[in-house]
Protein backbone atom coordinates (compact mmCIF):
# COMPACT_ATOMS: atom_id res chain seq x y z
CA MET A 1 -16.95 -22.75 11.11
CA LEU A 2 -19.11 -22.11 8.08
CA ARG A 3 -18.50 -19.06 5.97
CA SER A 4 -19.97 -17.57 2.85
CA ARG A 5 -17.31 -16.90 0.22
CA ARG A 6 -19.03 -14.33 -1.68
CA LEU A 7 -19.11 -10.56 -0.77
CA GLY A 8 -22.60 -9.22 -0.25
CA SER A 9 -24.23 -12.63 0.38
CA ASN A 10 -27.55 -12.78 2.15
CA ARG A 11 -27.77 -13.97 5.85
CA PHE A 12 -28.03 -17.73 6.12
CA SER A 13 -29.22 -20.23 8.72
CA LEU A 14 -27.94 -23.56 9.60
CA ILE A 15 -30.26 -26.62 10.00
CA ALA A 16 -29.90 -30.31 10.08
CA SER A 17 -31.23 -32.81 7.49
CA ASN A 18 -32.81 -34.69 10.25
CA SER A 19 -33.06 -35.01 14.11
CA THR A 20 -30.40 -37.84 14.26
CA VAL A 21 -27.92 -35.74 12.55
CA GLY A 22 -28.88 -32.68 14.58
CA GLY A 23 -28.58 -34.59 17.87
CA SER A 24 -25.01 -35.65 17.05
CA PHE A 25 -23.74 -32.14 18.02
CA LYS A 26 -23.15 -30.93 21.56
CA ASP A 27 -25.69 -28.00 20.91
CA GLU A 28 -28.42 -29.91 19.05
CA ILE A 29 -29.10 -28.40 15.64
CA PRO A 30 -32.82 -28.16 14.79
CA THR A 31 -34.24 -29.35 11.46
CA SER A 32 -35.98 -25.97 10.78
CA GLY A 33 -36.06 -22.36 12.09
CA GLU A 34 -33.31 -19.85 12.35
CA THR A 35 -31.74 -20.76 15.79
CA TYR A 36 -28.24 -20.69 14.25
CA ASN A 37 -27.91 -17.45 11.97
CA SER A 38 -25.01 -16.37 10.32
CA ASP A 39 -23.25 -13.28 11.93
CA PRO A 40 -21.97 -10.88 9.27
CA GLU A 41 -18.49 -9.53 10.05
CA THR A 42 -18.89 -5.93 9.20
CA GLU A 43 -16.69 -3.15 10.43
CA PRO A 44 -18.23 0.17 9.41
CA ASN A 45 -15.41 2.09 11.03
CA GLY A 46 -12.65 -0.20 9.81
CA LEU A 47 -9.84 0.74 7.54
CA ALA A 48 -8.10 -2.28 6.34
CA TYR A 49 -4.66 -2.41 4.67
CA SER A 50 -3.16 -5.27 2.66
CA LYS A 51 0.15 -7.21 3.10
CA VAL A 52 3.10 -5.57 1.44
CA GLU A 53 3.07 -6.04 -2.31
CA GLU A 54 -0.08 -8.35 -1.88
CA PRO A 55 -2.95 -6.04 -2.47
CA ASP A 56 -5.59 -8.66 -2.50
CA ALA A 57 -4.77 -9.84 0.91
CA PHE A 58 -4.77 -8.50 4.42
CA PRO A 59 -4.67 -10.41 7.81
CA ARG A 60 -7.47 -9.63 10.42
CA GLY A 61 -4.82 -7.62 12.35
CA ASN A 62 -4.39 -5.17 9.41
CA ILE A 63 -7.14 -2.93 10.48
CA PHE A 64 -7.33 0.57 11.85
CA TYR A 65 -10.70 1.38 13.74
CA VAL A 66 -11.50 4.96 12.94
CA GLY A 67 -13.59 6.81 15.62
CA SER A 68 -16.94 5.37 16.92
CA LYS A 69 -17.82 1.91 15.63
CA ASN A 70 -21.37 3.15 15.51
CA GLU A 71 -20.45 5.66 12.82
CA PRO A 72 -19.42 4.32 9.38
CA ILE A 73 -16.56 5.78 7.27
CA GLN A 74 -18.21 8.18 4.84
CA ARG A 75 -15.30 9.01 2.53
CA ILE A 76 -11.63 8.61 2.28
CA ILE A 77 -9.57 11.00 0.01
CA THR A 78 -5.77 10.65 -0.69
CA LEU A 79 -3.50 13.65 -0.36
CA LYS A 80 0.08 13.58 -1.36
CA SER A 81 1.41 12.14 1.91
CA ALA A 82 -1.75 11.13 3.86
CA LEU A 83 -5.40 9.78 3.86
CA ILE A 84 -8.16 12.10 4.99
CA ILE A 85 -11.10 10.06 6.45
CA LEU A 86 -14.49 11.79 6.95
CA LYS A 87 -17.14 10.56 9.30
CA ARG A 88 -19.99 11.94 11.24
CA ASP A 89 -17.89 11.83 14.33
CA GLY A 90 -14.99 13.66 13.05
CA ALA A 91 -12.14 14.16 10.45
CA TYR A 92 -9.18 11.87 10.75
CA ARG A 93 -5.73 11.54 9.13
CA LEU A 94 -3.70 8.45 8.41
CA SER A 95 -0.11 9.11 7.55
CA GLY A 96 3.12 6.95 7.15
CA ASN A 97 4.89 5.04 4.51
CA SER A 98 4.74 1.47 5.51
CA PRO A 99 2.56 -0.54 8.05
CA SER A 100 5.14 -0.02 10.85
CA THR A 101 4.98 3.76 10.46
CA PHE A 102 1.23 4.25 9.98
CA ILE A 103 -0.19 6.70 12.43
CA LEU A 104 -3.98 7.54 12.78
CA THR A 105 -4.85 11.00 14.10
CA LYS A 106 -7.94 12.75 14.88
CA LEU A 107 -7.95 16.21 13.08
CA ASP A 108 -11.10 17.62 14.27
CA PRO A 109 -13.83 15.79 16.51
CA ALA A 110 -16.41 18.54 15.81
CA VAL A 111 -16.61 17.72 11.96
CA ASN A 112 -19.89 16.06 11.24
CA PHE A 113 -19.77 14.75 7.64
CA GLU A 114 -22.89 13.06 6.28
CA ALA A 115 -22.86 13.43 2.51
CA PRO A 116 -20.47 10.89 0.87
CA ASN A 117 -20.48 12.68 -2.63
CA ALA A 118 -20.04 16.21 -1.18
CA ALA A 119 -16.22 16.05 -0.65
CA VAL A 120 -13.62 16.63 -3.29
CA LEU A 121 -9.79 16.98 -3.69
CA LEU A 122 -8.44 20.46 -4.66
CA ASN A 123 -4.81 21.64 -4.40
CA ASP A 124 -3.90 18.82 -2.03
CA ALA A 125 -6.74 19.59 0.48
CA VAL A 126 -10.22 18.19 0.97
CA TYR A 127 -13.17 20.54 0.61
CA CYS A 128 -16.43 19.09 1.87
CA LEU A 129 -19.92 20.17 2.92
CA SER A 130 -20.49 19.37 6.71
CA THR A 131 -23.03 20.40 9.20
CA GLN A 132 -20.51 23.19 10.24
CA GLY A 133 -20.50 24.68 6.69
CA ILE A 134 -17.93 24.09 3.78
CA LEU A 135 -14.74 22.95 5.27
CA LYS A 136 -11.13 22.85 3.87
CA VAL A 137 -9.39 19.82 5.47
CA ASN A 138 -5.67 19.07 5.03
CA GLU A 139 -2.89 17.41 7.10
CA ASN A 140 -2.80 20.24 9.60
CA GLY A 141 -6.51 20.39 10.62
CA THR A 142 -9.70 21.90 9.29
CA LEU A 143 -10.88 25.35 8.29
CA VAL A 144 -14.39 26.88 7.56
CA VAL A 145 -14.18 28.52 4.14
CA SER A 146 -17.87 29.28 3.85
CA TYR A 147 -18.08 32.33 6.38
CA PRO A 148 -19.33 34.62 3.72
CA ILE A 149 -22.20 32.56 2.77
CA GLU A 150 -22.72 30.78 6.07
CA ASP A 151 -26.16 32.09 6.77
CA ARG A 152 -27.25 30.13 3.77
CA VAL A 153 -25.00 27.08 3.75
CA ARG A 154 -25.69 26.20 7.45
CA ARG A 155 -29.23 25.56 6.71
CA ILE A 156 -28.59 22.99 4.14
CA PRO A 157 -28.06 19.94 6.60
CA LEU A 158 -31.55 20.74 7.78
CA TYR A 159 -33.14 19.82 4.44
CA LYS A 160 -34.59 16.30 3.93
CA GLY A 161 -32.38 14.23 1.65
CA TYR A 162 -29.49 16.64 1.60
CA GLU A 163 -26.97 13.72 2.21
CA GLU A 164 -28.15 12.17 -1.02
CA HIS A 165 -28.69 15.04 -3.14
CA SER A 166 -25.46 17.05 -2.29
CA PHE A 167 -22.17 16.52 -4.26
CA ALA A 168 -19.01 18.36 -5.21
CA VAL A 169 -16.70 18.73 -8.06
CA ALA A 170 -13.37 20.70 -8.46
CA ASN A 171 -11.03 21.79 -11.11
CA GLU A 172 -7.17 22.34 -10.45
CA ASP A 173 -6.68 24.41 -13.53
CA ASN A 174 -9.01 27.27 -12.65
CA ARG A 175 -8.79 26.59 -8.76
CA ARG A 176 -12.56 26.21 -8.62
CA LEU A 177 -14.71 24.29 -6.16
CA ILE A 178 -18.51 23.70 -6.85
CA VAL A 179 -20.71 22.23 -4.19
CA PHE A 180 -24.22 21.48 -5.49
CA THR A 181 -26.94 21.37 -2.92
CA GLN A 182 -30.70 21.99 -2.57
CA ASP A 183 -31.56 25.66 -2.64
CA ASN A 184 -34.75 25.30 -0.53
CA SER A 185 -36.20 22.80 1.91
CA GLY A 186 -38.75 21.56 -0.52
CA ASP A 187 -36.16 20.81 -3.45
CA ARG A 188 -35.85 17.08 -4.23
CA GLY A 189 -32.54 17.47 -5.87
CA ALA A 190 -29.48 19.84 -6.41
CA LYS A 191 -30.76 23.31 -7.59
CA ILE A 192 -27.86 25.62 -6.71
CA GLY A 193 -23.96 25.49 -6.92
CA TRP A 194 -21.79 27.23 -4.40
CA VAL A 195 -18.72 28.27 -6.37
CA TYR A 196 -15.61 28.98 -4.74
CA ASN A 197 -12.21 30.04 -6.01
CA SER A 198 -9.27 28.80 -3.75
CA LEU A 199 -6.98 31.62 -4.78
CA THR A 200 -9.11 34.77 -4.47
CA LYS A 201 -11.37 33.16 -1.73
CA ASP A 202 -14.47 34.61 -3.54
CA TRP A 203 -17.80 32.95 -3.59
CA THR A 204 -20.65 32.97 -6.27
CA THR A 205 -23.55 30.84 -7.13
CA TRP A 206 -24.82 28.92 -10.11
CA LYS A 207 -28.60 28.41 -10.17
CA LYS A 208 -29.26 25.33 -12.17
CA GLY A 209 -30.91 21.84 -11.42
CA VAL A 210 -28.33 19.15 -11.70
CA SER A 211 -28.05 15.56 -10.78
CA CYS A 212 -24.24 14.91 -11.33
CA GLY A 213 -21.19 16.62 -12.41
CA VAL A 214 -17.63 16.14 -13.93
CA SER A 215 -14.51 18.28 -13.75
CA LEU A 216 -13.09 19.13 -17.10
């Protein structure tokens, strides 16, 4: 078996230096072409965990497969006692204190999360922009919090490039969540911020063009 030892290496092909060498194998190796291509071991829905007290090593068996293999994990956010995993095919929770007690649970199969930067931690819950609106996700399940602005927010996933342009920031001190998105279908960047107070449940908006944000 031949393997590349560098992460992110390009695909490679195996050829023989001459026909004599190539013919020495049960399946003859050609001297040119791409008959024997490398096969990347990618697990887009795989969540790997390391050996106990060995964070740089994990056996092949230490992998949880989260949802459909055709849908990659978009975002993982840590709560106090669980991981929230967001994908296009649902929201999931991984709980437990050790490998022997890890439990993977599907919280809500209806969640369709496509914008990796549009999820943020606030008050031990994940707030994220999905095709269902802006959701609150915690260990108990999901809740749509954008009902008062649903007629506008539900349009955003229809805008071209929304997965790339949308992002969220939060501030624990003032209990504020801000989800920045396009305002109209023709926007090629975030032009509006949807501002939510997790204590009063009130919504307001900020009209400004931004490309990044930080919580202070």
